Amino acid sequence: MKAIRIHEYGGPEVLKYEDAPDPRVGADDVLVDVHAAGVNQVDWKVREGWLEDMIRYAMPMIPGWDVSGVVAARGSNVVRFEVGDEVFGRPDVARDGAYAERVAVRATELAIKPASVDHVTAAAAPLCALTAWQALFDATPGYVGAGLAAGQTVLVHAAAGGVGTFAVQLAKWRGARVIGTCSARNLDYVRALGADEVVDYTTGRFEDAVRDVDVVLDTIGGDTQDRSWRVLQKGGILVSIARPPAEEVAESHGVRAGYVFVQPMASQLDQIAALIDAQTLRVEVSNVLPLSSAREAQELSRAGHVRGKVVLDVRA
């Protein structure tokens, strides 16, 4: 099969479009004929070796942990899916990913694709939508989410980005009041997603415009995280997907800290698919490129100014 592989950590030049062996399908796996693969921040971070202390990859490896495609085969223990089913999911980041014509994915990491959208659109959803869901609602064991409830107020940083786009919509669906930060060109877009208030971070400091929120969703880290503590009301919570916030800093502000590194969760994907089909969740695709253009796709994603997601159309 054709795939994008890296043989060593480095810049975009280490991404090689080449022949690769077909995946090995375990008893709990589904073999997916890939139609589209979403491009995420974690992809280039893996490529550059940022996760080397956490995950030891055998080289060469295939990146890409957002997939939509069709079941081509299933392992002996798999009963949920049939050959021919259209599926989407967020595969295990410790295994080879979806920048390939085929990928082996655990059945527990997949759900039936939303029927109302095509594969390119579906591939833009799993990782970012699951991240927003787990950070706002139900974190997986070992992580702390916000437990957002109706009537609370949440500040979503980078509200026009991949995770932010889903976070704004999911928070509104839950019945929260939503404030989003973004640049001037995305103000109307974030309002259209459902944000009650939008702050242009290029013309002022968000902490001067926002106060007494129940939840901050930090998608950026760094100085943005450091400045976010002061907008929380006592007892509130800052949940980051960028870097684990310091407990002692949270305590000094009289608030709580949470951190989420997204995990595959088929039951949550089922709910996300239903919300997409109900047109409650809008999936935004900013750029579609062929698999052979993975270098360009990752650079677009890394620049951090895309609206929604970049997707590789593997069948193009």
Protein backbone atom coordinates (compact mmCIF):
# COMPACT_ATOMS: atom_id res chain seq x y z
CA MET A 1 0.00 0.00 0.00
CA LYS A 2 0.99 3.67 -0.28
CA ALA A 3 1.63 5.50 2.98
CA ILE A 4 3.37 8.45 4.55
CA ARG A 5 6.16 7.21 6.80
CA ILE A 6 8.91 8.74 8.90
CA HIS A 7 12.19 6.92 9.41
CA GLU A 8 13.59 9.43 11.89
CA TYR A 9 12.36 12.43 13.87
CA GLY A 10 12.69 15.82 12.25
CA GLY A 11 11.06 18.52 10.15
CA PRO A 12 8.48 18.07 7.39
CA GLU A 13 11.19 16.72 5.08
CA VAL A 14 11.21 13.40 7.02
CA LEU A 15 7.67 12.63 5.80
CA LYS A 16 8.11 10.14 2.96
CA TYR A 17 5.36 9.11 0.54
CA GLU A 18 6.30 5.51 -0.24
CA ASP A 19 5.30 1.86 -0.41
CA ALA A 20 4.65 0.20 2.95
CA PRO A 21 3.57 -3.28 4.03
CA ASP A 22 -0.10 -3.91 4.75
CA PRO A 23 -1.01 -3.61 8.45
CA ARG A 24 -1.15 -6.70 10.62
CA VAL A 25 -4.68 -7.25 11.89
CA GLY A 26 -4.99 -8.55 15.45
CA ALA A 27 -7.92 -10.44 16.93
CA ASP A 28 -9.42 -7.22 18.35
CA ASP A 29 -8.68 -5.10 15.27
CA VAL A 30 -10.62 -3.84 12.29
CA LEU A 31 -8.80 -3.31 8.99
CA VAL A 32 -10.01 -0.01 7.55
CA ASP A 33 -9.68 1.00 3.90
CA VAL A 34 -8.84 4.65 4.56
CA HIS A 35 -10.77 7.27 2.62
CA ALA A 36 -9.61 10.30 4.59
CA ALA A 37 -7.27 11.16 7.47
CA GLY A 38 -7.53 14.26 9.64
CA VAL A 39 -4.38 16.27 10.39
CA ASN A 40 -3.79 17.36 13.99
CA GLN A 41 -1.22 19.14 16.11
CA VAL A 42 -0.18 15.82 17.63
CA ASP A 43 0.91 14.60 14.18
CA TRP A 44 3.78 17.04 13.78
CA LYS A 45 4.64 16.80 17.46
CA VAL A 46 5.13 13.06 17.06
CA ARG A 47 7.14 13.71 13.88
CA GLU A 48 9.48 16.06 15.73
CA GLY A 49 9.91 13.69 18.68
CA TRP A 50 7.95 15.65 21.29
CA LEU A 51 6.29 12.46 22.56
CA GLU A 52 9.46 10.35 22.56
CA ASP A 53 9.55 10.16 26.37
CA MET A 54 5.94 8.96 26.40
CA ILE A 55 5.80 6.67 23.37
CA ARG A 56 8.62 4.65 21.82
CA TYR A 57 7.88 4.15 18.13
CA ALA A 58 9.49 1.47 16.01
CA MET A 59 10.76 3.17 12.87
CA PRO A 60 9.58 3.58 10.22
CA MET A 61 6.16 4.64 11.50
CA ILE A 62 2.98 6.04 9.97
CA PRO A 63 1.42 9.16 11.55
CA GLY A 64 -2.22 10.29 11.53
CA TRP A 65 -4.79 9.58 14.24
CA ASP A 66 -8.09 10.69 12.70
CA VAL A 67 -9.63 8.27 10.23
CA SER A 68 -12.73 7.69 8.17
CA GLY A 69 -13.10 4.73 5.87
CA VAL A 70 -14.67 1.36 5.19
CA VAL A 71 -14.21 -1.92 7.07
CA ALA A 72 -12.20 -4.31 4.85
CA ALA A 73 -11.66 -7.12 7.38
CA ARG A 74 -12.10 -7.78 11.09
CA GLY A 75 -10.29 -9.80 13.72
CA SER A 76 -11.71 -12.95 15.24
CA ASN A 77 -12.92 -11.20 18.41
CA VAL A 78 -14.73 -8.35 16.64
CA VAL A 79 -18.53 -8.58 16.58
CA ARG A 80 -19.64 -4.94 16.39
CA PHE A 81 -18.68 -4.24 12.78
CA GLU A 82 -19.26 -5.96 9.46
CA VAL A 83 -17.15 -5.79 6.32
CA GLY A 84 -18.42 -2.85 4.31
CA ASP A 85 -19.41 -0.70 7.30
CA GLU A 86 -18.43 2.95 7.04
CA VAL A 87 -16.56 3.91 10.22
CA PHE A 88 -14.62 6.77 11.77
CA GLY A 89 -12.47 7.07 14.84
CA ARG A 90 -9.37 8.16 16.69
CA PRO A 91 -6.85 5.28 16.61
CA ASP A 92 -4.32 4.66 19.38
CA VAL A 93 -1.55 7.25 19.02
CA ALA A 94 1.00 4.60 20.05
CA ARG A 95 0.29 2.60 16.88
CA ASP A 96 0.71 3.33 13.18
CA GLY A 97 -1.83 5.86 12.01
CA ALA A 98 -4.05 6.70 9.07
CA TYR A 99 -1.73 8.49 6.62
CA ALA A 100 -2.04 5.33 4.53
CA GLU A 101 -4.36 3.42 2.24
CA ARG A 102 -5.14 0.96 5.04
CA VAL A 103 -4.86 0.99 8.82
CA ALA A 104 -5.52 -1.57 11.57
CA VAL A 105 -7.57 -0.05 14.40
CA ARG A 106 -8.97 -1.60 17.58
CA ALA A 107 -12.72 -2.02 17.25
CA THR A 108 -13.17 -0.17 20.56
CA GLU A 109 -11.70 2.96 18.92
CA LEU A 110 -14.24 3.15 16.09
CA ALA A 111 -17.87 4.09 15.57
CA ILE A 112 -20.22 4.04 12.62
CA LYS A 113 -19.54 7.14 10.51
CA PRO A 114 -22.21 9.87 10.59
CA ALA A 115 -24.45 9.11 7.61
CA SER A 116 -25.03 12.76 6.78
CA VAL A 117 -21.43 13.64 5.90
CA ASP A 118 -18.75 12.31 3.56
CA HIS A 119 -15.51 10.67 4.63
CA VAL A 120 -13.44 13.87 4.34
CA THR A 121 -15.79 15.67 6.71
CA ALA A 122 -16.04 12.70 9.07
CA ALA A 123 -12.24 12.44 9.31
CA ALA A 124 -12.10 16.00 10.65
CA ALA A 125 -14.18 15.12 13.71
CA PRO A 126 -12.95 12.30 15.97
CA LEU A 127 -9.82 13.57 17.71
CA CYS A 128 -10.94 17.18 18.15
CA ALA A 129 -14.53 16.36 19.05
CA LEU A 130 -13.41 13.72 21.57
CA THR A 131 -10.89 16.16 23.05
CA ALA A 132 -13.58 18.80 23.53
CA TRP A 133 -16.03 16.23 24.94
CA GLN A 134 -13.54 14.82 27.44
CA ALA A 135 -12.22 18.22 28.50
CA LEU A 136 -15.68 19.71 29.00
CA PHE A 137 -17.72 16.72 30.14
CA ASP A 138 -16.35 13.23 30.76
CA ALA A 139 -12.60 12.78 31.05
CA THR A 140 -11.23 9.25 30.80
CA PRO A 141 -9.58 7.63 33.87
CA GLY A 142 -6.36 9.36 34.88
CA TYR A 143 -7.44 12.77 33.59
CA VAL A 144 -9.60 15.59 34.97
CA GLY A 145 -12.28 17.32 32.91
CA ALA A 146 -14.54 20.24 33.75
CA GLY A 147 -17.83 18.44 34.31
CA LEU A 148 -19.54 21.39 32.61
CA ALA A 149 -23.20 21.85 33.56
CA ALA A 150 -26.09 23.82 32.11
CA GLY A 151 -26.10 27.41 33.27
CA GLN A 152 -22.34 27.63 33.79
CA THR A 153 -20.07 29.98 31.83
CA VAL A 154 -17.06 28.64 29.90
CA LEU A 155 -14.22 30.51 28.21
CA VAL A 156 -12.91 28.63 25.15
CA HIS A 157 -9.50 29.72 23.90
CA ALA A 158 -8.78 29.48 20.14
CA ALA A 159 -12.48 29.01 19.56
CA ALA A 160 -12.08 28.87 15.75
CA GLY A 161 -9.51 26.05 15.87
CA GLY A 162 -10.07 22.32 15.60
CA VAL A 163 -10.90 21.65 19.25
CA GLY A 164 -12.39 25.09 19.84
CA THR A 165 -14.93 24.69 17.04
CA PHE A 166 -16.35 21.58 18.70
CA ALA A 167 -16.00 22.94 22.25
CA VAL A 168 -18.15 26.00 21.53
CA GLN A 169 -20.90 23.87 19.99
CA LEU A 170 -20.82 21.14 22.62
CA ALA A 171 -20.89 23.65 25.47
CA LYS A 172 -23.94 25.37 23.94
CA TRP A 173 -25.61 21.98 23.48
CA ARG A 174 -25.03 21.29 27.17
CA GLY A 175 -26.73 24.60 28.03
CA ALA A 176 -23.69 26.66 29.05
CA ARG A 177 -22.95 30.31 28.33
CA VAL A 178 -19.95 30.38 25.98
CA ILE A 179 -17.24 33.00 25.53
CA GLY A 180 -14.69 32.37 22.78
CA THR A 181 -11.36 33.97 21.93
CA CYS A 182 -10.24 34.28 18.31
CA SER A 183 -8.77 36.73 15.80
CA ALA A 184 -10.81 39.41 14.06
CA ARG A 185 -11.37 37.38 10.89
CA ASN A 186 -13.08 34.62 12.88
CA LEU A 187 -15.39 36.71 15.06
CA ASP A 188 -18.50 36.07 12.96
CA TYR A 189 -17.58 32.41 12.51
CA VAL A 190 -17.34 31.79 16.26
CA ARG A 191 -20.61 33.63 16.83
CA ALA A 192 -22.22 31.41 14.20
CA LEU A 193 -21.03 28.36 16.13
CA GLY A 194 -23.11 29.60 19.06
CA ALA A 195 -20.77 31.67 21.21
CA ASP A 196 -22.62 34.22 23.35
CA GLU A 197 -19.60 36.51 23.47
CA VAL A 198 -16.44 36.68 21.36
CA VAL A 199 -13.15 38.34 22.32
CA ASP A 200 -10.65 39.42 19.67
CA TYR A 201 -7.31 38.55 21.25
CA THR A 202 -5.43 40.69 18.71
CA THR A 203 -6.92 43.98 19.93
CA GLY A 204 -6.85 43.49 23.68
CA ARG A 205 -6.20 41.15 26.56
CA PHE A 206 -8.98 38.67 27.19
CA GLU A 207 -8.56 38.99 30.97
CA ASP A 208 -9.60 42.63 30.72
CA ALA A 209 -12.89 41.64 29.06
CA VAL A 210 -13.75 38.39 30.86
CA ARG A 211 -14.26 37.59 34.54
CA ASP A 212 -15.99 35.18 36.91
CA VAL A 213 -16.28 32.21 34.55
CA ASP A 214 -16.83 28.68 35.83
CA VAL A 215 -14.59 26.92 33.30
CA VAL A 216 -11.61 27.86 31.15
CA LEU A 217 -10.73 25.49 28.31
CA ASP A 218 -7.05 26.13 27.60
CA THR A 219 -6.08 24.90 24.14
CA ILE A 220 -2.89 26.97 23.91
CA GLY A 221 -0.80 26.76 27.10
CA GLY A 222 2.08 29.15 27.79
CA ASP A 223 1.23 32.75 28.58
CA THR A 224 -2.44 32.20 27.71
CA GLN A 225 -2.74 29.61 30.45
CA ASP A 226 -0.87 31.80 32.93
CA ARG A 227 -3.23 34.72 32.32
CA SER A 228 -6.37 32.58 32.46
CA TRP A 229 -6.36 31.92 36.20
CA ARG A 230 -7.57 35.41 37.03
CA VAL A 231 -10.78 35.15 34.96
CA LEU A 232 -12.09 32.20 36.98
CA GLN A 233 -14.44 32.64 39.87
CA LYS A 234 -13.62 30.91 43.15
CA GLY A 235 -14.15 27.18 42.86
CA GLY A 236 -13.90 27.28 39.06
CA ILE A 237 -11.67 25.03 36.99
CA LEU A 238 -9.08 25.48 34.25
CA VAL A 239 -8.79 22.43 32.01
CA SER A 240 -5.86 22.34 29.61
CA ILE A 241 -5.20 20.15 26.61
CA ALA A 242 -1.86 21.90 25.97
CA ARG A 243 0.12 21.37 29.17
CA PRO A 244 -0.74 20.11 32.67
CA PRO A 245 -1.53 23.17 34.81
CA ALA A 246 0.19 23.48 38.18
CA GLU A 247 -1.96 22.42 41.12
CA GLU A 248 -0.22 24.85 43.44
CA VAL A 249 -1.00 27.76 41.11
CA ALA A 250 -4.64 26.70 40.97
CA GLU A 251 -4.79 26.52 44.77
CA SER A 252 -3.30 30.00 45.10
CA HIS A 253 -6.22 31.33 43.03
CA GLY A 254 -8.82 29.30 44.88
CA VAL A 255 -9.68 27.25 41.81
CA ARG A 256 -9.05 23.77 40.42
CA ALA A 257 -6.85 22.43 37.63
CA GLY A 258 -7.54 19.71 35.08
CA TYR A 259 -5.69 18.16 32.15
CA VAL A 260 -6.85 15.94 29.29
CA PHE A 261 -4.87 13.97 26.70
CA VAL A 262 -7.59 12.62 24.47
CA GLN A 263 -8.26 8.89 24.55
CA PRO A 264 -10.24 6.74 22.08
CA MET A 265 -13.80 6.17 23.32
CA ALA A 266 -16.33 4.54 21.00
CA SER A 267 -19.35 5.35 23.18
CA GLN A 268 -18.53 9.07 23.03
CA LEU A 269 -17.97 8.82 19.27
CA ASP A 270 -21.44 7.30 18.93
CA GLN A 271 -22.93 10.37 20.64
CA ILE A 272 -20.81 12.73 18.53
CA ALA A 273 -21.94 10.98 15.34
CA ALA A 274 -25.58 11.35 16.40
CA LEU A 275 -25.07 15.08 17.06
CA ILE A 276 -23.49 15.53 13.63
CA ASP A 277 -26.39 13.73 11.95
CA ALA A 278 -28.85 15.86 13.94
CA GLN A 279 -27.02 18.97 12.61
CA THR A 280 -26.29 19.99 16.19
CA LEU A 281 -22.55 19.73 15.50
CA ARG A 282 -21.02 21.42 12.49
CA VAL A 283 -17.71 20.03 11.17
CA GLU A 284 -15.44 22.64 9.61
CA VAL A 285 -12.84 21.55 7.02
CA SER A 286 -10.43 24.31 6.03
CA ASN A 287 -8.16 22.52 3.54
CA VAL A 288 -8.28 19.19 1.69
CA LEU A 289 -5.05 17.80 0.23
CA PRO A 290 -4.00 14.46 -1.28
CA LEU A 291 -2.06 11.97 0.84
CA SER A 292 1.14 12.79 -1.04
CA SER A 293 0.89 16.40 0.23
CA ALA A 294 1.19 15.46 3.92
CA ARG A 295 4.15 17.81 4.39
CA GLU A 296 2.08 20.82 3.32
CA ALA A 297 -0.86 19.63 5.40
CA GLN A 298 1.19 19.37 8.57
CA GLU A 299 2.73 22.78 8.03
CA LEU A 300 -0.74 24.30 7.64
CA SER A 301 -1.83 22.62 10.85
CA ARG A 302 1.28 23.70 12.71
CA ALA A 303 0.83 27.35 11.70
CA GLY A 304 -2.24 27.31 13.93
CA HIS A 305 -4.36 29.75 11.93
CA VAL A 306 -6.65 27.34 10.08
CA ARG A 307 -10.38 27.44 10.72
CA GLY A 308 -11.41 23.96 11.78
CA LYS A 309 -9.31 21.14 10.32
CA VAL A 310 -6.94 20.13 7.52
CA VAL A 311 -7.79 16.74 5.99
CA LEU A 312 -5.91 14.35 3.69
CA ASP A 313 -8.12 12.81 1.01
CA VAL A 314 -6.45 9.41 0.65
CA ARG A 315 -8.57 8.53 -2.39
CA ALA A 316 -7.75 11.69 -4.33
